[in-house]
PDB file of all heavy atoms in Angstrom:
ATOM      1  N   THR A   1     -46.524  70.112  34.648  1.00  0.00           N
ATOM      2  CA  THR A   1     -47.411  69.918  33.556  1.00  0.00           C
ATOM      3  C   THR A   1     -47.392  71.097  32.614  1.00  0.00           C
ATOM      4  O   THR A   1     -46.958  72.187  33.051  1.00  0.00           O
ATOM      5  CB  THR A   1     -48.892  69.806  34.048  1.00  0.00           C
ATOM      6  OG1 THR A   1     -49.373  71.090  34.413  1.00  0.00           O
ATOM      7  CG2 THR A   1     -48.971  68.867  35.302  1.00  0.00           C
ATOM      8  N   LEU A   2     -47.850  70.890  31.458  1.00  0.00           N
ATOM      9  CA  LEU A   2     -47.914  72.013  30.474  1.00  0.00           C
ATOM     10  C   LEU A   2     -48.991  73.051  30.881  1.00  0.00           C
ATOM     11  O   LEU A   2     -48.988  74.139  30.335  1.00  0.00           O
ATOM     12  CB  LEU A   2     -48.258  71.474  29.082  1.00  0.00           C
ATOM     13  CG  LEU A   2     -47.171  70.519  28.451  1.00  0.00           C
ATOM     14  CD1 LEU A   2     -47.707  69.967  27.115  1.00  0.00           C
ATOM     15  CD2 LEU A   2     -45.881  71.242  28.304  1.00  0.00           C
ATOM     16  N   LEU A   3     -49.814  72.686  31.854  1.00  0.00           N
ATOM     17  CA  LEU A   3     -50.836  73.630  32.273  1.00  0.00           C
ATOM     18  C   LEU A   3     -50.312  74.611  33.269  1.00  0.00           C
ATOM     19  O   LEU A   3     -51.053  75.527  33.629  1.00  0.00           O
ATOM     20  CB  LEU A   3     -52.042  72.826  32.902  1.00  0.00           C
ATOM     21  CG  LEU A   3     -52.746  71.854  31.979  1.00  0.00           C
ATOM     22  CD1 LEU A   3     -53.773  71.087  32.711  1.00  0.00           C
ATOM     23  CD2 LEU A   3     -53.279  72.585  30.728  1.00  0.00           C
ATOM     24  N   ALA A   4     -49.090  74.443  33.737  1.00  0.00           N
ATOM     25  CA  ALA A   4     -48.577  75.446  34.668  1.00  0.00           C
ATOM     26  C   ALA A   4     -48.440  76.745  33.950  1.00  0.00           C
ATOM     27  O   ALA A   4     -48.226  76.848  32.711  1.00  0.00           O
ATOM     28  CB  ALA A   4     -47.203  74.931  35.168  1.00  0.00           C
ATOM     29  N   ASN A   5     -48.408  77.818  34.747  1.00  0.00           N
ATOM     30  CA  ASN A   5     -48.345  79.211  34.141  1.00  0.00           C
ATOM     31  C   ASN A   5     -47.174  79.944  34.757  1.00  0.00           C
ATOM     32  O   ASN A   5     -47.309  80.426  35.937  1.00  0.00           O
ATOM     33  CB  ASN A   5     -49.644  79.909  34.325  1.00  0.00           C
ATOM     34  CG  ASN A   5     -49.629  81.285  33.624  1.00  0.00           C
ATOM     35  OD1 ASN A   5     -48.874  81.484  32.745  1.00  0.00           O
ATOM     36  ND2 ASN A   5     -50.488  82.207  34.085  1.00  0.00           N
ATOM     37  N   PRO A   6     -46.026  80.106  34.049  1.00  0.00           N
ATOM     38  CA  PRO A   6     -45.727  79.517  32.791  1.00  0.00           C
ATOM     39  C   PRO A   6     -45.354  78.050  32.861  1.00  0.00           C
ATOM     40  O   PRO A   6     -45.099  77.518  33.960  1.00  0.00           O
ATOM     41  CB  PRO A   6     -44.469  80.323  32.306  1.00  0.00           C
ATOM     42  CG  PRO A   6     -43.850  80.636  33.657  1.00  0.00           C
ATOM     43  CD  PRO A   6     -44.887  80.843  34.621  1.00  0.00           C
ATOM     44  N   PRO A   7     -45.460  77.224  31.737  1.00  0.00           N
ATOM     45  CA  PRO A   7     -45.113  75.880  31.783  1.00  0.00           C
ATOM     46  C   PRO A   7     -43.659  75.673  32.260  1.00  0.00           C
ATOM     47  O   PRO A   7     -42.788  76.378  31.812  1.00  0.00           O
ATOM     48  CB  PRO A   7     -45.269  75.392  30.311  1.00  0.00           C
ATOM     49  CG  PRO A   7     -46.221  76.373  29.745  1.00  0.00           C
ATOM     50  CD  PRO A   7     -45.888  77.693  30.423  1.00  0.00           C
ATOM     51  N   ARG A   8     -43.464  74.754  33.210  1.00  0.00           N
ATOM     52  CA  ARG A   8     -42.143  74.596  33.766  1.00  0.00           C
ATOM     53  C   ARG A   8     -42.056  73.217  34.391  1.00  0.00           C
ATOM     54  O   ARG A   8     -43.074  72.628  34.776  1.00  0.00           O
ATOM     55  CB  ARG A   8     -41.749  75.641  34.799  1.00  0.00           C
ATOM     56  CG  ARG A   8     -42.705  75.621  35.995  1.00  0.00           C
ATOM     57  CD  ARG A   8     -42.436  76.759  36.980  1.00  0.00           C
ATOM     58  NE  ARG A   8     -41.113  76.658  37.553  1.00  0.00           N
ATOM     59  CZ  ARG A   8     -40.832  75.918  38.671  1.00  0.00           C
ATOM     60  NH1 ARG A   8     -41.812  75.237  39.254  1.00  0.00           N
ATOM     61  NH2 ARG A   8     -39.656  75.889  39.183  1.00  0.00           N
ATOM     62  N   LYS A   9     -40.838  72.744  34.498  1.00  0.00           N
ATOM     63  CA  LYS A   9     -40.571  71.508  35.312  1.00  0.00           C
ATOM     64  C   LYS A   9     -39.934  71.896  36.640  1.00  0.00           C
ATOM     65  O   LYS A   9     -39.077  72.812  36.662  1.00  0.00           O
ATOM     66  CB  LYS A   9     -39.718  70.549  34.495  1.00  0.00           C
ATOM     67  CG  LYS A   9     -40.337  69.974  33.297  1.00  0.00           C
ATOM     68  CD  LYS A   9     -39.469  68.918  32.613  1.00  0.00           C
ATOM     69  CE  LYS A   9     -40.158  68.319  31.399  1.00  0.00           C
ATOM     70  NZ  LYS A   9     -39.356  67.262  30.775  1.00  0.00           N
ATOM     71  N   PRO A  10     -40.322  71.268  37.669  1.00  0.00           N
ATOM     72  CA  PRO A  10     -39.784  71.668  38.968  1.00  0.00           C
ATOM     73  C   PRO A  10     -38.331  71.214  39.225  1.00  0.00           C
ATOM     74  O   PRO A  10     -37.787  70.438  38.388  1.00  0.00           O
ATOM     75  CB  PRO A  10     -40.698  70.981  39.968  1.00  0.00           C
ATOM     76  CG  PRO A  10     -41.287  69.834  39.224  1.00  0.00           C
ATOM     77  CD  PRO A  10     -41.322  70.249  37.775  1.00  0.00           C
ATOM     78  N   THR A  11     -37.766  71.711  40.300  1.00  0.00           N
ATOM     79  CA  THR A  11     -36.423  71.325  40.626  1.00  0.00           C
ATOM     80  C   THR A  11     -36.411  70.646  42.031  1.00  0.00           C
ATOM     81  O   THR A  11     -37.327  70.860  42.811  1.00  0.00           O
ATOM     82  CB  THR A  11     -35.485  72.551  40.705  1.00  0.00           C
ATOM     83  OG1 THR A  11     -35.974  73.473  41.716  1.00  0.00           O
ATOM     84  CG2 THR A  11     -35.438  73.272  39.356  1.00  0.00           C
ATOM     85  N   LEU A  12     -35.384  69.872  42.260  1.00  0.00           N
ATOM     86  CA  LEU A  12     -35.213  69.237  43.548  1.00  0.00           C
ATOM     87  C   LEU A  12     -33.847  69.716  44.090  1.00  0.00           C
ATOM     88  O   LEU A  12     -32.861  69.683  43.404  1.00  0.00           O
ATOM     89  CB  LEU A  12     -35.138  67.706  43.407  1.00  0.00           C
ATOM     90  CG  LEU A  12     -34.656  66.929  44.601  1.00  0.00           C
ATOM     91  CD1 LEU A  12     -35.665  67.068  45.835  1.00  0.00           C
ATOM     92  CD2 LEU A  12     -34.546  65.437  44.276  1.00  0.00           C
ATOM     93  N   HIS A  13     -33.866  70.301  45.266  1.00  0.00           N
ATOM     94  CA  HIS A  13     -32.570  70.878  45.821  1.00  0.00           C
ATOM     95  C   HIS A  13     -32.410  70.353  47.238  1.00  0.00           C
ATOM     96  O   HIS A  13     -33.233  70.675  48.198  1.00  0.00           O
ATOM     97  CB  HIS A  13     -32.699  72.399  45.914  1.00  0.00           C
ATOM     98  CG  HIS A  13     -31.423  73.067  46.300  1.00  0.00           C
ATOM     99  ND1 HIS A  13     -31.304  74.454  46.438  1.00  0.00           N
ATOM    100  CD2 HIS A  13     -30.214  72.567  46.606  1.00  0.00           C
ATOM    101  CE1 HIS A  13     -30.136  74.730  46.819  1.00  0.00           C
ATOM    102  NE2 HIS A  13     -29.397  73.643  46.947  1.00  0.00           N
ATOM    103  N   LEU A  14     -31.353  69.547  47.450  1.00  0.00           N
ATOM    104  CA  LEU A  14     -31.023  68.969  48.725  1.00  0.00           C
ATOM    105  C   LEU A  14     -29.765  69.638  49.290  1.00  0.00           C
ATOM    106  O   LEU A  14     -28.688  69.504  48.617  1.00  0.00           O
ATOM    107  CB  LEU A  14     -30.797  67.487  48.632  1.00  0.00           C
ATOM    108  CG  LEU A  14     -31.978  66.690  48.000  1.00  0.00           C
ATOM    109  CD1 LEU A  14     -31.509  65.201  47.847  1.00  0.00           C
ATOM    110  CD2 LEU A  14     -33.209  66.781  48.843  1.00  0.00           C
ATOM    111  N   TRP A  15     -29.912  70.438  50.363  1.00  0.00           N
ATOM    112  CA  TRP A  15     -28.733  71.034  50.940  1.00  0.00           C
ATOM    113  C   TRP A  15     -27.832  69.924  51.601  1.00  0.00           C
ATOM    114  O   TRP A  15     -28.281  68.783  51.749  1.00  0.00           O
ATOM    115  CB  TRP A  15     -29.173  72.046  51.983  1.00  0.00           C
ATOM    116  CG  TRP A  15     -29.834  73.278  51.345  1.00  0.00           C
ATOM    117  CD1 TRP A  15     -30.619  73.309  50.280  1.00  0.00           C
ATOM    118  CD2 TRP A  15     -29.728  74.619  51.789  1.00  0.00           C
ATOM    119  NE1 TRP A  15     -31.124  74.596  50.052  1.00  0.00           N
ATOM    120  CE2 TRP A  15     -30.521  75.402  50.963  1.00  0.00           C
ATOM    121  CE3 TRP A  15     -29.038  75.224  52.875  1.00  0.00           C
ATOM    122  CZ2 TRP A  15     -30.645  76.792  51.176  1.00  0.00           C
ATOM    123  CZ3 TRP A  15     -29.163  76.594  53.031  1.00  0.00           C
ATOM    124  CH2 TRP A  15     -29.974  77.386  52.189  1.00  0.00           C
ATOM    125  N   LYS A  16     -26.624  70.346  51.929  1.00  0.00           N
ATOM    126  CA  LYS A  16     -25.630  69.356  52.350  1.00  0.00           C
ATOM    127  C   LYS A  16     -26.076  68.578  53.590  1.00  0.00           C
ATOM    128  O   LYS A  16     -25.663  67.426  53.768  1.00  0.00           O
ATOM    129  CB  LYS A  16     -24.294  70.034  52.594  1.00  0.00           C
ATOM    130  CG  LYS A  16     -24.242  70.999  53.728  1.00  0.00           C
ATOM    131  CD  LYS A  16     -22.887  71.683  53.897  1.00  0.00           C
ATOM    132  CE  LYS A  16     -22.755  72.539  55.076  1.00  0.00           C
ATOM    133  NZ  LYS A  16     -22.897  71.807  56.369  1.00  0.00           N
ATOM    134  N   ASP A  17     -26.891  69.140  54.462  1.00  0.00           N
ATOM    135  CA  ASP A  17     -27.274  68.451  55.657  1.00  0.00           C
ATOM    136  C   ASP A  17     -28.588  67.663  55.527  1.00  0.00           C
ATOM    137  O   ASP A  17     -29.035  67.071  56.476  1.00  0.00           O
ATOM    138  CB  ASP A  17     -27.401  69.418  56.867  1.00  0.00           C
ATOM    139  CG  ASP A  17     -26.009  70.034  57.246  1.00  0.00           C
ATOM    140  OD1 ASP A  17     -24.997  69.354  57.148  1.00  0.00           O
ATOM    141  OD2 ASP A  17     -26.036  71.206  57.636  1.00  0.00           O
ATOM    142  N   ALA A  18     -29.224  67.741  54.366  1.00  0.00           N
ATOM    143  CA  ALA A  18     -30.439  67.010  54.137  1.00  0.00           C
ATOM    144  C   ALA A  18     -30.245  65.586  53.829  1.00  0.00           C
ATOM    145  O   ALA A  18     -29.237  65.186  53.191  1.00  0.00           O
ATOM    146  CB  ALA A  18     -31.275  67.745  53.016  1.00  0.00           C
ATOM    147  N   VAL A  19     -31.152  64.734  54.217  1.00  0.00           N
ATOM    148  CA  VAL A  19     -31.128  63.285  53.956  1.00  0.00           C
ATOM    149  C   VAL A  19     -32.288  62.935  53.018  1.00  0.00           C
ATOM    150  O   VAL A  19     -33.439  63.276  53.334  1.00  0.00           O
ATOM    151  CB  VAL A  19     -31.183  62.475  55.248  1.00  0.00           C
ATOM    152  CG1 VAL A  19     -31.267  60.960  54.934  1.00  0.00           C
ATOM    153  CG2 VAL A  19     -30.004  62.823  56.177  1.00  0.00           C
ATOM    154  N   TRP A  20     -32.005  62.186  51.948  1.00  0.00           N
ATOM    155  CA  TRP A  20     -32.958  61.828  50.978  1.00  0.00           C
ATOM    156  C   TRP A  20     -33.059  60.313  50.894  1.00  0.00           C
ATOM    157  O   TRP A  20     -32.047  59.684  50.538  1.00  0.00           O
ATOM    158  CB  TRP A  20     -32.544  62.374  49.580  1.00  0.00           C
ATOM    159  CG  TRP A  20     -33.492  62.042  48.416  1.00  0.00           C
ATOM    160  CD1 TRP A  20     -33.329  61.075  47.491  1.00  0.00           C
ATOM    161  CD2 TRP A  20     -34.753  62.717  48.091  1.00  0.00           C
ATOM    162  NE1 TRP A  20     -34.266  61.080  46.566  1.00  0.00           N
ATOM    163  CE2 TRP A  20     -35.193  62.077  46.898  1.00  0.00           C
ATOM    164  CE3 TRP A  20     -35.417  63.774  48.605  1.00  0.00           C
ATOM    165  CZ2 TRP A  20     -36.393  62.441  46.286  1.00  0.00           C
ATOM    166  CZ3 TRP A  20     -36.635  64.129  47.970  1.00  0.00           C
ATOM    167  CH2 TRP A  20     -37.086  63.497  46.843  1.00  0.00           C
ATOM    168  N   ARG A  21     -34.220  59.740  51.184  1.00  0.00           N
ATOM    169  CA  ARG A  21     -34.399  58.304  51.066  1.00  0.00           C
ATOM    170  C   ARG A  21     -35.585  58.076  50.151  1.00  0.00           C
ATOM    171  O   ARG A  21     -36.740  58.490  50.513  1.00  0.00           O
ATOM    172  CB  ARG A  21     -34.634  57.668  52.476  1.00  0.00           C
ATOM    173  CG  ARG A  21     -33.455  57.870  53.394  1.00  0.00           C
ATOM    174  CD  ARG A  21     -33.791  57.448  54.797  1.00  0.00           C
ATOM    175  NE  ARG A  21     -32.700  57.702  55.738  1.00  0.00           N
ATOM    176  CZ  ARG A  21     -32.791  57.834  57.048  1.00  0.00           C
ATOM    177  NH1 ARG A  21     -34.048  57.870  57.575  1.00  0.00           N
ATOM    178  NH2 ARG A  21     -31.782  58.025  57.773  1.00  0.00           N
ATOM    179  N   ALA A  22     -35.389  57.414  49.060  1.00  0.00           N
ATOM    180  CA  ALA A  22     -36.513  57.342  48.012  1.00  0.00           C
ATOM    181  C   ALA A  22     -36.502  55.926  47.400  1.00  0.00           C
ATOM    182  O   ALA A  22     -35.513  55.277  47.245  1.00  0.00           O
ATOM    183  CB  ALA A  22     -36.335  58.417  47.023  1.00  0.00           C
ATOM    184  N   LYS A  23     -37.768  55.550  47.048  1.00  0.00           N
ATOM    185  CA  LYS A  23     -37.905  54.213  46.425  1.00  0.00           C
ATOM    186  C   LYS A  23     -39.172  54.241  45.514  1.00  0.00           C
ATOM    187  O   LYS A  23     -40.234  54.656  45.931  1.00  0.00           O
ATOM    188  CB  LYS A  23     -38.075  53.220  47.498  1.00  0.00           C
ATOM    189  CG  LYS A  23     -38.244  51.760  46.994  1.00  0.00           C
ATOM    190  CD  LYS A  23     -38.140  50.721  48.116  1.00  0.00           C
ATOM    191  CE  LYS A  23     -39.300  50.918  49.105  1.00  0.00           C
ATOM    192  NZ  LYS A  23     -39.261  49.913  50.202  1.00  0.00           N
ATOM    193  N   GLY A  24     -38.990  53.764  44.296  1.00  0.00           N
ATOM    194  CA  GLY A  24     -40.083  53.534  43.432  1.00  0.00           C
ATOM    195  C   GLY A  24     -40.830  54.803  42.981  1.00  0.00           C
ATOM    196  O   GLY A  24     -42.035  54.702  42.721  1.00  0.00           O
ATOM    197  N   ASN A  25     -40.091  55.905  42.811  1.00  0.00           N
ATOM    198  CA  ASN A  25     -40.711  57.123  42.418  1.00  0.00           C
ATOM    199  C   ASN A  25     -40.584  57.441  40.904  1.00  0.00           C
ATOM    200  O   ASN A  25     -39.780  56.864  40.215  1.00  0.00           O
ATOM    201  CB  ASN A  25     -40.169  58.330  43.217  1.00  0.00           C
ATOM    202  CG  ASN A  25     -40.351  58.065  44.734  1.00  0.00           C
ATOM    203  OD1 ASN A  25     -41.441  57.762  45.173  1.00  0.00           O
ATOM    204  ND2 ASN A  25     -39.239  58.244  45.472  1.00  0.00           N
ATOM    205  N   TRP A  26     -41.282  58.483  40.486  1.00  0.00           N
ATOM    206  CA  TRP A  26     -41.144  58.984  39.062  1.00  0.00           C
ATOM    207  C   TRP A  26     -40.938  60.442  39.164  1.00  0.00           C
ATOM    208  O   TRP A  26     -41.687  61.216  39.745  1.00  0.00           O
ATOM    209  CB  TRP A  26     -42.500  58.723  38.347  1.00  0.00           C
ATOM    210  CG  TRP A  26     -42.486  59.130  36.917  1.00  0.00           C
ATOM    211  CD1 TRP A  26     -41.486  59.680  36.165  1.00  0.00           C
ATOM    212  CD2 TRP A  26     -43.584  59.018  36.030  1.00  0.00           C
ATOM    213  NE1 TRP A  26     -41.885  59.945  34.902  1.00  0.00           N
ATOM    214  CE2 TRP A  26     -43.189  59.504  34.759  1.00  0.00           C
ATOM    215  CE3 TRP A  26     -44.910  58.523  36.104  1.00  0.00           C
ATOM    216  CZ2 TRP A  26     -44.051  59.607  33.663  1.00  0.00           C
ATOM    217  CZ3 TRP A  26     -45.712  58.526  35.012  1.00  0.00           C
ATOM    218  CH2 TRP A  26     -45.309  59.037  33.814  1.00  0.00           C
ATOM    219  N   TYR A  27     -39.794  60.880  38.580  1.00  0.00           N
ATOM    220  CA  TYR A  27     -39.435  62.272  38.547  1.00  0.00           C
ATOM    221  C   TYR A  27     -39.486  62.811  37.153  1.00  0.00           C
ATOM    222  O   TYR A  27     -38.932  62.199  36.191  1.00  0.00           O
ATOM    223  CB  TYR A  27     -38.022  62.502  39.120  1.00  0.00           C
ATOM    224  CG  TYR A  27     -37.724  61.764  40.402  1.00  0.00           C
ATOM    225  CD1 TYR A  27     -36.697  60.868  40.513  1.00  0.00           C
ATOM    226  CD2 TYR A  27     -38.567  62.039  41.539  1.00  0.00           C
ATOM    227  CE1 TYR A  27     -36.464  60.200  41.708  1.00  0.00           C
ATOM    228  CE2 TYR A  27     -38.326  61.367  42.740  1.00  0.00           C
ATOM    229  CZ  TYR A  27     -37.283  60.423  42.838  1.00  0.00           C
ATOM    230  OH  TYR A  27     -37.053  59.756  43.998  1.00  0.00           O
TER     231      TYR A  27
END
């Protein structure tokens, strides 16, 4: 959000051994 101090958008970091299963999300 713009209310963050400082304003920023987050990051997603998946290392090589991580498993990501996702459905119906908003990034």
